[in-house]
Amino acid sequence: MQRRKKVRHADTVDAEIVGYTGPAARPRALAVRLPGGRIALTQTLKAPLAAQVSAYLIASGPSQSARTRAGETYHTTGPAGPAVEVLAGTTRHSVVTATRLRNS
């Protein structure tokens, strides 16, 4: 019998929040800086995580518009944003999914 090798398609990493899409009081997605420095938008946030993050986004003050390398627009946040745990896809079409807010 031949054993199958499990292939991992996503890594769990911490990423810094650098922006968001939608209104600050109810963000749809986050712009995060991944460990390699790339900024990516996450998949749509689940309601509990969006509620947790919104307090920080509102307190970060006025935002400016920015774009990822892929051309996706987002609103920037203040410096030194909190970290979120994300599942970062390792395949060619990598998807980033925010799973929880990290305690600072």
Protein backbone atom coordinates (compact mmCIF):
# COMPACT_ATOMS: atom_id res chain seq x y z
CA MET A 1 0.00 0.00 0.00
CA GLN A 2 1.35 3.39 -0.99
CA ARG A 3 0.97 6.32 1.41
CA ARG A 4 -0.31 9.63 0.15
CA LYS A 5 1.65 12.75 0.92
CA LYS A 6 -0.33 15.61 2.43
CA VAL A 7 0.27 18.86 0.59
CA ARG A 8 -0.27 22.07 2.51
CA HIS A 9 -1.88 24.86 0.48
CA ALA A 10 -1.93 27.58 3.16
CA ASP A 11 0.32 28.73 5.99
CA THR A 12 -0.87 30.35 9.22
CA VAL A 13 1.04 33.61 9.75
CA ASP A 14 0.64 36.90 11.59
CA ALA A 15 0.12 39.97 9.42
CA GLU A 16 -0.05 43.69 10.26
CA ILE A 17 -3.29 45.52 9.43
CA VAL A 18 -2.47 48.44 7.11
CA GLY A 19 -5.94 49.19 5.74
CA TYR A 20 -9.48 48.05 5.03
CA THR A 21 -12.29 48.11 2.47
CA GLY A 22 -15.81 49.32 3.17
CA PRO A 23 -16.71 51.63 6.07
CA ALA A 24 -14.46 51.66 9.17
CA ALA A 25 -17.44 50.83 11.40
CA ARG A 26 -18.15 47.66 9.40
CA PRO A 27 -15.11 46.67 7.31
CA ARG A 28 -15.61 44.15 4.52
CA ALA A 29 -11.97 43.09 4.17
CA LEU A 30 -8.56 44.01 5.56
CA ALA A 31 -5.40 45.11 3.77
CA VAL A 32 -2.58 43.26 5.53
CA ARG A 33 1.22 43.31 5.24
CA LEU A 34 2.38 39.71 5.02
CA PRO A 35 5.77 38.62 6.42
CA GLY A 36 7.47 39.03 3.02
CA GLY A 37 6.31 42.67 2.83
CA ARG A 38 3.55 42.09 0.25
CA ILE A 39 0.26 43.88 0.95
CA ALA A 40 -2.83 41.82 0.17
CA LEU A 41 -6.57 42.09 0.75
CA THR A 42 -8.18 39.37 2.83
CA GLN A 43 -11.34 37.52 1.95
CA THR A 44 -14.58 39.02 3.30
CA LEU A 45 -14.45 39.25 7.11
CA LYS A 46 -16.86 37.31 9.29
CA ALA A 47 -19.08 39.58 11.42
CA PRO A 48 -17.43 38.88 14.83
CA LEU A 49 -13.93 39.68 13.52
CA ALA A 50 -15.18 42.77 11.66
CA ALA A 51 -16.72 44.05 14.93
CA GLN A 52 -13.45 43.50 16.83
CA VAL A 53 -11.33 45.26 14.21
CA SER A 54 -13.74 48.18 13.69
CA ALA A 55 -12.87 49.76 17.07
CA TYR A 56 -9.23 50.08 15.99
CA LEU A 57 -10.14 51.32 12.49
CA ILE A 58 -12.42 54.06 13.84
CA ALA A 59 -9.78 55.16 16.36
CA SER A 60 -7.05 55.30 13.70
CA GLY A 61 -8.54 58.53 12.33
CA PRO A 62 -8.88 59.78 8.76
CA SER A 63 -7.69 57.46 6.04
CA GLN A 64 -6.26 57.88 2.57
CA SER A 65 -6.85 55.78 -0.49
CA ALA A 66 -4.13 53.32 -1.55
CA ARG A 67 -3.72 50.39 -3.93
CA THR A 68 -2.16 46.95 -3.73
CA ARG A 69 0.29 45.85 -6.45
CA ALA A 70 -2.64 44.08 -8.07
CA GLY A 71 -4.50 47.41 -8.28
CA GLU A 72 -7.09 46.74 -5.55
CA THR A 73 -8.04 49.89 -3.63
CA TYR A 74 -8.31 50.18 0.15
CA HIS A 75 -8.36 52.82 2.92
CA THR A 76 -5.13 53.16 4.92
CA THR A 77 -4.93 53.01 8.71
CA GLY A 78 -2.67 54.78 11.19
CA PRO A 79 0.85 53.51 11.90
CA ALA A 80 1.56 50.38 13.93
CA GLY A 81 -1.71 48.57 13.37
CA PRO A 82 -2.58 45.44 15.32
CA ALA A 83 -1.78 42.01 13.98
CA VAL A 84 -4.23 39.44 12.71
CA GLU A 85 -3.68 35.75 12.21
CA VAL A 86 -4.24 34.85 8.57
CA LEU A 87 -4.24 31.76 6.42
CA ALA A 88 -2.05 32.75 3.47
CA GLY A 89 -2.39 30.55 0.40
CA THR A 90 0.84 29.14 -0.99
CA THR A 91 -0.40 28.38 -4.51
CA ARG A 92 -0.19 30.63 -7.55
CA HIS A 93 -3.60 32.21 -6.85
CA SER A 94 -2.98 32.71 -3.15
CA VAL A 95 -5.96 33.67 -1.03
CA VAL A 96 -5.56 35.42 2.32
CA THR A 97 -8.18 34.75 5.00
CA ALA A 98 -8.16 36.60 8.34
CA THR A 99 -8.99 34.20 11.16
CA ARG A 100 -8.56 36.20 14.39
CA LEU A 101 -7.23 39.40 15.93
CA ARG A 102 -3.96 38.98 17.81
CA ASN A 103 -3.56 40.50 21.26
CA SER A 104 -0.90 43.21 21.15
